[in-house]
Every structure is written in C-alpha cells, then in structure tokens.
Amino acid sequence: MSYKPEYFRVTKVKDLLVDEATGKKIRVSGDAKDSVYKFLDEKIREACQDLVNKLPRKSKGPEKGHLKRITLKEDDF
C-alpha cells in the first residue's frame, strides 16, 4: 500500500463496509486498497466543497460572489 489517505483513518473504513441487508462485512483485497482509499478521499473532498458552495454569497458590490459568512450552521445541512 503506497497511498496514504488525507481525510480519514483507515481503521474506520472496515466499520463502514457492511452489507446492510445481510450484515456481512465486505473485505477489500490488498491490491484494491489504494483505489478504495483514493475514491473515499475524493468523495470527502467533493462533499466538503459542496458544503462550502451552499454557503450564502454576496450578490452586489465589489465583493460580489464572496462569502457572507464562513461558519457552517445546522441549517446548512
């Protein structure tokens, strides 16, 4: 394994890979681990960018398009 995940701990992935219908745990082969970790990193990056894009932005003046606030609130979800 040469890819080191940036946004999550590898030990937590095993808890997520469970078939909901049967409760069986899904294993990841050694050669597929890098691909799975890259996939998860990309999805986390995309989800965080979606949250940032949902924040309100200014619509007038020289700061048009700039964020009105930089704090995520419960309502953003």
PDB file of N, CA and C in Angstrom:
ATOM      1  N   MET A   1       0.848  -1.179   0.000  1.00  0.00           N
ATOM      2  CA  MET A   1       0.000   0.000   0.000  1.00  0.00           C
ATOM      3  C   MET A   1       0.887   1.233   0.000  1.00  0.00           C
ATOM      4  N   SER A   2       0.763   2.041  -1.025  1.00  0.00           N
ATOM      5  CA  SER A   2       1.589   3.232  -1.116  1.00  0.00           C
ATOM      6  C   SER A   2       0.790   4.515  -0.932  1.00  0.00           C
ATOM      7  N   TYR A   3      -0.517   4.461  -1.140  1.00  0.00           N
ATOM      8  CA  TYR A   3      -1.349   5.659  -0.993  1.00  0.00           C
ATOM      9  C   TYR A   3      -1.721   5.855   0.464  1.00  0.00           C
ATOM     10  N   LYS A   4      -1.487   7.058   0.965  1.00  0.00           N
ATOM     11  CA  LYS A   4      -1.820   7.382   2.349  1.00  0.00           C
ATOM     12  C   LYS A   4      -3.014   8.347   2.344  1.00  0.00           C
ATOM     13  N   PRO A   5      -4.155   7.949   2.890  1.00  0.00           N
ATOM     14  CA  PRO A   5      -5.349   8.808   2.891  1.00  0.00           C
ATOM     15  C   PRO A   5      -5.103  10.124   3.620  1.00  0.00           C
ATOM     16  N   GLU A   6      -5.713  11.185   3.095  1.00  0.00           N
ATOM     17  CA  GLU A   6      -5.543  12.511   3.675  1.00  0.00           C
ATOM     18  C   GLU A   6      -6.639  12.867   4.678  1.00  0.00           C
ATOM     19  N   TYR A   7      -7.861  12.381   4.454  1.00  0.00           N
ATOM     20  CA  TYR A   7      -9.009  12.905   5.182  1.00  0.00           C
ATOM     21  C   TYR A   7      -9.713  11.922   6.104  1.00  0.00           C
ATOM     22  N   PHE A   8      -9.196  10.720   6.264  1.00  0.00           N
ATOM     23  CA  PHE A   8      -9.839   9.756   7.141  1.00  0.00           C
ATOM     24  C   PHE A   8      -8.821   8.755   7.656  1.00  0.00           C
ATOM     25  N   ARG A   9      -9.239   8.029   8.679  1.00  0.00           N
ATOM     26  CA  ARG A   9      -8.387   6.967   9.218  1.00  0.00           C
ATOM     27  C   ARG A   9      -8.785   5.634   8.603  1.00  0.00           C
ATOM     28  N   VAL A  10      -7.793   4.906   8.176  1.00  0.00           N
ATOM     29  CA  VAL A  10      -8.015   3.626   7.505  1.00  0.00           C
ATOM     30  C   VAL A  10      -8.749   2.649   8.422  1.00  0.00           C
ATOM     31  N   THR A  11      -8.504   2.694   9.701  1.00  0.00           N
ATOM     32  CA  THR A  11      -9.116   1.744  10.628  1.00  0.00           C
ATOM     33  C   THR A  11     -10.632   1.900  10.698  1.00  0.00           C
ATOM     34  N   LYS A  12     -11.161   3.051  10.336  1.00  0.00           N
ATOM     35  CA  LYS A  12     -12.607   3.286  10.386  1.00  0.00           C
ATOM     36  C   LYS A  12     -13.328   2.782   9.139  1.00  0.00           C
ATOM     37  N   VAL A  13     -12.605   2.532   8.062  1.00  0.00           N
ATOM     38  CA  VAL A  13     -13.233   2.112   6.815  1.00  0.00           C
ATOM     39  C   VAL A  13     -13.877   0.739   6.958  1.00  0.00           C
ATOM     40  N   LYS A  14     -13.245  -0.155   7.660  1.00  0.00           N
ATOM     41  CA  LYS A  14     -13.791  -1.503   7.821  1.00  0.00           C
ATOM     42  C   LYS A  14     -15.174  -1.483   8.453  1.00  0.00           C
ATOM     43  N   ASP A  15     -15.417  -0.564   9.375  1.00  0.00           N
ATOM     44  CA  ASP A  15     -16.729  -0.464  10.012  1.00  0.00           C
ATOM     45  C   ASP A  15     -17.811  -0.008   9.035  1.00  0.00           C
ATOM     46  N   LEU A  16     -17.430   0.700   7.975  1.00  0.00           N
ATOM     47  CA  LEU A  16     -18.391   1.210   7.008  1.00  0.00           C
ATOM     48  C   LEU A  16     -18.743   0.204   5.916  1.00  0.00           C
ATOM     49  N   LEU A  17     -17.849  -0.713   5.656  1.00  0.00           N
ATOM     50  CA  LEU A  17     -18.057  -1.661   4.566  1.00  0.00           C
ATOM     51  C   LEU A  17     -18.838  -2.884   5.041  1.00  0.00           C
ATOM     52  N   VAL A  18     -20.139  -2.682   5.232  1.00  0.00           N
ATOM     53  CA  VAL A  18     -21.035  -3.741   5.695  1.00  0.00           C
ATOM     54  C   VAL A  18     -22.278  -3.731   4.811  1.00  0.00           C
ATOM     55  N   ASP A  19     -22.673  -4.904   4.343  1.00  0.00           N
ATOM     56  CA  ASP A  19     -23.900  -5.039   3.565  1.00  0.00           C
ATOM     57  C   ASP A  19     -25.084  -4.852   4.510  1.00  0.00           C
ATOM     58  N   GLU A  20     -25.884  -3.827   4.263  1.00  0.00           N
ATOM     59  CA  GLU A  20     -26.994  -3.510   5.168  1.00  0.00           C
ATOM     60  C   GLU A  20     -28.049  -4.610   5.206  1.00  0.00           C
ATOM     61  N   ALA A  21     -28.268  -5.283   4.101  1.00  0.00           N
ATOM     62  CA  ALA A  21     -29.318  -6.300   4.031  1.00  0.00           C
ATOM     63  C   ALA A  21     -28.970  -7.526   4.868  1.00  0.00           C
ATOM     64  N   THR A  22     -27.731  -7.979   4.788  1.00  0.00           N
ATOM     65  CA  THR A  22     -27.359  -9.221   5.468  1.00  0.00           C
ATOM     66  C   THR A  22     -26.479  -9.000   6.685  1.00  0.00           C
ATOM     67  N   GLY A  23     -25.859  -7.839   6.786  1.00  0.00           N
ATOM     68  CA  GLY A  23     -24.958  -7.574   7.900  1.00  0.00           C
ATOM     69  C   GLY A  23     -23.555  -8.132   7.689  1.00  0.00           C
ATOM     70  N   LYS A  24     -23.303  -8.683   6.502  1.00  0.00           N
ATOM     71  CA  LYS A  24     -21.982  -9.247   6.221  1.00  0.00           C
ATOM     72  C   LYS A  24     -20.971  -8.145   5.972  1.00  0.00           C
ATOM     73  N   LYS A  25     -19.766  -8.338   6.497  1.00  0.00           N
ATOM     74  CA  LYS A  25     -18.691  -7.381   6.287  1.00  0.00           C
ATOM     75  C   LYS A  25     -18.039  -7.628   4.932  1.00  0.00           C
ATOM     76  N   ILE A  26     -17.716  -6.557   4.255  1.00  0.00           N
ATOM     77  CA  ILE A  26     -17.087  -6.612   2.943  1.00  0.00           C
ATOM     78  C   ILE A  26     -15.576  -6.440   3.127  1.00  0.00           C
ATOM     79  N   ARG A  27     -14.820  -7.328   2.488  1.00  0.00           N
ATOM     80  CA  ARG A  27     -13.366  -7.234   2.563  1.00  0.00           C
ATOM     81  C   ARG A  27     -12.834  -6.518   1.332  1.00  0.00           C
ATOM     82  N   VAL A  28     -11.674  -5.890   1.482  1.00  0.00           N
ATOM     83  CA  VAL A  28     -11.007  -5.215   0.376  1.00  0.00           C
ATOM     84  C   VAL A  28      -9.670  -5.910   0.167  1.00  0.00           C
ATOM     85  N   SER A  29      -9.425  -6.362  -1.061  1.00  0.00           N
ATOM     86  CA  SER A  29      -8.168  -7.048  -1.337  1.00  0.00           C
ATOM     87  C   SER A  29      -7.002  -6.066  -1.253  1.00  0.00           C
ATOM     88  N   GLY A  30      -5.837  -6.589  -1.053  1.00  0.00           N
ATOM     89  CA  GLY A  30      -4.644  -5.765  -0.891  1.00  0.00           C
ATOM     90  C   GLY A  30      -4.372  -4.856  -2.069  1.00  0.00           C
ATOM     91  N   ASP A  31      -4.576  -5.368  -3.287  1.00  0.00           N
ATOM     92  CA  ASP A  31      -4.292  -4.539  -4.457  1.00  0.00           C
ATOM     93  C   ASP A  31      -5.386  -3.508  -4.727  1.00  0.00           C
ATOM     94  N   ALA A  32      -6.550  -3.636  -4.109  1.00  0.00           N
ATOM     95  CA  ALA A  32      -7.645  -2.683  -4.311  1.00  0.00           C
ATOM     96  C   ALA A  32      -7.679  -1.589  -3.242  1.00  0.00           C
ATOM     97  N   LYS A  33      -6.912  -1.744  -2.185  1.00  0.00           N
ATOM     98  CA  LYS A  33      -6.963  -0.774  -1.078  1.00  0.00           C
ATOM     99  C   LYS A  33      -6.626   0.638  -1.528  1.00  0.00           C
ATOM    100  N   ASP A  34      -5.575   0.795  -2.320  1.00  0.00           N
ATOM    101  CA  ASP A  34      -5.210   2.134  -2.777  1.00  0.00           C
ATOM    102  C   ASP A  34      -6.349   2.791  -3.549  1.00  0.00           C
ATOM    103  N   SER A  35      -7.003   2.028  -4.405  1.00  0.00           N
ATOM    104  CA  SER A  35      -8.115   2.571  -5.192  1.00  0.00           C
ATOM    105  C   SER A  35      -9.290   2.969  -4.306  1.00  0.00           C
ATOM    106  N   VAL A  36      -9.591   2.157  -3.315  1.00  0.00           N
ATOM    107  CA  VAL A  36     -10.684   2.463  -2.395  1.00  0.00           C
ATOM    108  C   VAL A  36     -10.364   3.725  -1.596  1.00  0.00           C
ATOM    109  N   TYR A  37      -9.144   3.838  -1.103  1.00  0.00           N
ATOM    110  CA  TYR A  37      -8.757   4.999  -0.309  1.00  0.00           C
ATOM    111  C   TYR A  37      -8.752   6.275  -1.146  1.00  0.00           C
ATOM    112  N   LYS A  38      -8.302   6.197  -2.386  1.00  0.00           N
ATOM    113  CA  LYS A  38      -8.338   7.365  -3.277  1.00  0.00           C
ATOM    114  C   LYS A  38      -9.782   7.773  -3.545  1.00  0.00           C
ATOM    115  N   PHE A  39     -10.649   6.785  -3.775  1.00  0.00           N
ATOM    116  CA  PHE A  39     -12.060   7.050  -4.020  1.00  0.00           C
ATOM    117  C   PHE A  39     -12.689   7.768  -2.825  1.00  0.00           C
ATOM    118  N   LEU A  40     -12.444   7.269  -1.625  1.00  0.00           N
ATOM    119  CA  LEU A  40     -13.015   7.874  -0.423  1.00  0.00           C
ATOM    120  C   LEU A  40     -12.481   9.280  -0.187  1.00  0.00           C
ATOM    121  N   ASP A  41     -11.176   9.488  -0.405  1.00  0.00           N
ATOM    122  CA  ASP A  41     -10.610  10.829  -0.269  1.00  0.00           C
ATOM    123  C   ASP A  41     -11.290  11.809  -1.225  1.00  0.00           C
ATOM    124  N   GLU A  42     -11.491  11.389  -2.461  1.00  0.00           N
ATOM    125  CA  GLU A  42     -12.119  12.257  -3.462  1.00  0.00           C
ATOM    126  C   GLU A  42     -13.558  12.574  -3.076  1.00  0.00           C
ATOM    127  N   LYS A  43     -14.306  11.587  -2.592  1.00  0.00           N
ATOM    128  CA  LYS A  43     -15.692  11.815  -2.191  1.00  0.00           C
ATOM    129  C   LYS A  43     -15.782  12.763  -0.991  1.00  0.00           C
ATOM    130  N   ILE A  44     -14.872  12.632  -0.055  1.00  0.00           N
ATOM    131  CA  ILE A  44     -14.850  13.540   1.098  1.00  0.00           C
ATOM    132  C   ILE A  44     -14.542  14.960   0.638  1.00  0.00           C
ATOM    133  N   ARG A  45     -13.569  15.091  -0.258  1.00  0.00           N
ATOM    134  CA  ARG A  45     -13.200  16.407  -0.793  1.00  0.00           C
ATOM    135  C   ARG A  45     -14.400  17.032  -1.513  1.00  0.00           C
ATOM    136  N   GLU A  46     -15.110  16.257  -2.338  1.00  0.00           N
ATOM    137  CA  GLU A  46     -16.279  16.760  -3.063  1.00  0.00           C
ATOM    138  C   GLU A  46     -17.399  17.165  -2.107  1.00  0.00           C
ATOM    139  N   ALA A  47     -17.650  16.367  -1.087  1.00  0.00           N
ATOM    140  CA  ALA A  47     -18.720  16.667  -0.131  1.00  0.00           C
ATOM    141  C   ALA A  47     -18.420  17.952   0.640  1.00  0.00           C
ATOM    142  N   CYS A  48     -17.186  18.144   1.018  1.00  0.00           N
ATOM    143  CA  CYS A  48     -16.814  19.372   1.732  1.00  0.00           C
ATOM    144  C   CYS A  48     -16.939  20.584   0.821  1.00  0.00           C
ATOM    145  N   GLN A  49     -16.555  20.433  -0.440  1.00  0.00           N
ATOM    146  CA  GLN A  49     -16.692  21.543  -1.381  1.00  0.00           C
ATOM    147  C   GLN A  49     -18.154  21.869  -1.615  1.00  0.00           C
ATOM    148  N   ASP A  50     -19.030  20.872  -1.636  1.00  0.00           N
ATOM    149  CA  ASP A  50     -20.469  21.115  -1.763  1.00  0.00           C
ATOM    150  C   ASP A  50     -20.991  21.930  -0.581  1.00  0.00           C
ATOM    151  N   LEU A  51     -20.504  21.623   0.618  1.00  0.00           N
ATOM    152  CA  LEU A  51     -20.916  22.400   1.798  1.00  0.00           C
ATOM    153  C   LEU A  51     -20.489  23.858   1.668  1.00  0.00           C
ATOM    154  N   VAL A  52     -19.272  24.082   1.218  1.00  0.00           N
ATOM    155  CA  VAL A  52     -18.780  25.449   1.051  1.00  0.00           C
ATOM    156  C   VAL A  52     -19.600  26.171  -0.017  1.00  0.00           C
ATOM    157  N   ASN A  53     -19.941  25.472  -1.083  1.00  0.00           N
ATOM    158  CA  ASN A  53     -20.709  26.096  -2.164  1.00  0.00           C
ATOM    159  C   ASN A  53     -22.136  26.435  -1.754  1.00  0.00           C
ATOM    160  N   LYS A  54     -22.663  25.782  -0.728  1.00  0.00           N
ATOM    161  CA  LYS A  54     -24.016  26.062  -0.244  1.00  0.00           C
ATOM    162  C   LYS A  54     -24.076  27.305   0.643  1.00  0.00           C
ATOM    163  N   LEU A  55     -22.943  27.775   1.113  1.00  0.00           N
ATOM    164  CA  LEU A  55     -22.931  28.954   1.981  1.00  0.00           C
ATOM    165  C   LEU A  55     -23.400  30.183   1.199  1.00  0.00           C
ATOM    166  N   PRO A  56     -24.087  31.102   1.881  1.00  0.00           N
ATOM    167  CA  PRO A  56     -24.589  32.297   1.189  1.00  0.00           C
ATOM    168  C   PRO A  56     -23.445  33.194   0.719  1.00  0.00           C
ATOM    169  N   ARG A  57     -23.661  33.816  -0.436  1.00  0.00           N
ATOM    170  CA  ARG A  57     -22.654  34.696  -1.024  1.00  0.00           C
ATOM    171  C   ARG A  57     -23.257  36.082  -1.241  1.00  0.00           C
ATOM    172  N   LYS A  58     -22.389  37.078  -1.290  1.00  0.00           N
ATOM    173  CA  LYS A  58     -22.812  38.453  -1.544  1.00  0.00           C
ATOM    174  C   LYS A  58     -23.196  38.581  -3.010  1.00  0.00           C
ATOM    175  N   SER A  59     -24.257  39.355  -3.273  1.00  0.00           N
ATOM    176  CA  SER A  59     -24.765  39.449  -4.638  1.00  0.00           C
ATOM    177  C   SER A  59     -24.569  40.827  -5.274  1.00  0.00           C
ATOM    178  N   LYS A  60     -24.067  41.786  -4.515  1.00  0.00           N
ATOM    179  CA  LYS A  60     -23.899  43.137  -5.058  1.00  0.00           C
ATOM    180  C   LYS A  60     -22.550  43.715  -4.645  1.00  0.00           C
ATOM    181  N   GLY A  61     -22.162  44.715  -5.352  1.00  0.00           N
ATOM    182  CA  GLY A  61     -20.974  45.475  -4.992  1.00  0.00           C
ATOM    183  C   GLY A  61     -19.671  44.831  -5.438  1.00  0.00           C
ATOM    184  N   PRO A  62     -18.570  45.428  -4.993  1.00  0.00           N
ATOM    185  CA  PRO A  62     -17.244  44.947  -5.426  1.00  0.00           C
ATOM    186  C   PRO A  62     -16.888  43.565  -4.868  1.00  0.00           C
ATOM    187  N   GLU A  63     -17.567  43.130  -3.822  1.00  0.00           N
ATOM    188  CA  GLU A  63     -17.300  41.812  -3.235  1.00  0.00           C
ATOM    189  C   GLU A  63     -18.317  40.776  -3.678  1.00  0.00           C
ATOM    190  N   LYS A  64     -18.934  40.995  -4.841  1.00  0.00           N
ATOM    191  CA  LYS A  64     -19.926  40.062  -5.376  1.00  0.00           C
ATOM    192  C   LYS A  64     -19.300  38.675  -5.513  1.00  0.00           C
ATOM    193  N   GLY A  65     -20.009  37.675  -4.991  1.00  0.00           N
ATOM    194  CA  GLY A  65     -19.523  36.302  -5.062  1.00  0.00           C
ATOM    195  C   GLY A  65     -18.729  35.871  -3.848  1.00  0.00           C
ATOM    196  N   HIS A  66     -18.323  36.807  -2.998  1.00  0.00           N
ATOM    197  CA  HIS A  66     -17.593  36.460  -1.778  1.00  0.00           C
ATOM    198  C   HIS A  66     -18.569  35.909  -0.745  1.00  0.00           C
ATOM    199  N   LEU A  67     -18.070  35.092   0.143  1.00  0.00           N
ATOM    200  CA  LEU A  67     -18.912  34.502   1.182  1.00  0.00           C
ATOM    201  C   LEU A  67     -19.429  35.559   2.154  1.00  0.00           C
ATOM    202  N   LYS A  68     -20.701  35.441   2.525  1.00  0.00           N
ATOM    203  CA  LYS A  68     -21.277  36.320   3.547  1.00  0.00           C
ATOM    204  C   LYS A  68     -20.829  35.874   4.934  1.00  0.00           C
ATOM    205  N   ARG A  69     -20.726  34.561   5.130  1.00  0.00           N
ATOM    206  CA  ARG A  69     -20.263  34.021   6.407  1.00  0.00           C
ATOM    207  C   ARG A  69     -19.370  32.825   6.140  1.00  0.00           C
ATOM    208  N   ILE A  70     -18.538  32.516   7.116  1.00  0.00           N
ATOM    209  CA  ILE A  70     -17.600  31.403   6.952  1.00  0.00           C
ATOM    210  C   ILE A  70     -17.835  30.316   7.988  1.00  0.00           C
ATOM    211  N   THR A  71     -19.013  30.326   8.590  1.00  0.00           N
ATOM    212  CA  THR A  71     -19.350  29.349   9.617  1.00  0.00           C
ATOM    213  C   THR A  71     -20.458  28.434   9.117  1.00  0.00           C
ATOM    214  N   LEU A  72     -20.228  27.133   9.199  1.00  0.00           N
ATOM    215  CA  LEU A  72     -21.288  26.181   8.870  1.00  0.00           C
ATOM    216  C   LEU A  72     -22.262  26.112  10.041  1.00  0.00           C
ATOM    217  N   LYS A  73     -23.550  26.164   9.722  1.00  0.00           N
ATOM    218  CA  LYS A  73     -24.589  26.093  10.739  1.00  0.00           C
ATOM    219  C   LYS A  73     -25.453  24.862  10.485  1.00  0.00           C
ATOM    220  N   GLU A  74     -26.252  24.505  11.470  1.00  0.00           N
ATOM    221  CA  GLU A  74     -27.129  23.342  11.358  1.00  0.00           C
ATOM    222  C   GLU A  74     -28.053  23.448  10.155  1.00  0.00           C
ATOM    223  N   ASP A  75     -28.505  24.658   9.855  1.00  0.00           N
ATOM    224  CA  ASP A  75     -29.420  24.867   8.739  1.00  0.00           C
ATOM    225  C   ASP A  75     -28.772  24.550   7.386  1.00  0.00           C
ATOM    226  N   ASP A  76     -27.462  24.543   7.314  1.00  0.00           N
ATOM    227  CA  ASP A  76     -26.763  24.266   6.059  1.00  0.00           C
ATOM    228  C   ASP A  76     -26.874  22.802   5.658  1.00  0.00           C
ATOM    229  N   PHE A  77     -27.281  21.963   6.587  1.00  0.00           N
ATOM    230  CA  PHE A  77     -27.399  20.550   6.295  1.00  0.00           C
ATOM    231  C   PHE A  77     -28.817  20.204   5.983  1.00  0.00           C
TER     232      PHE A  77
END
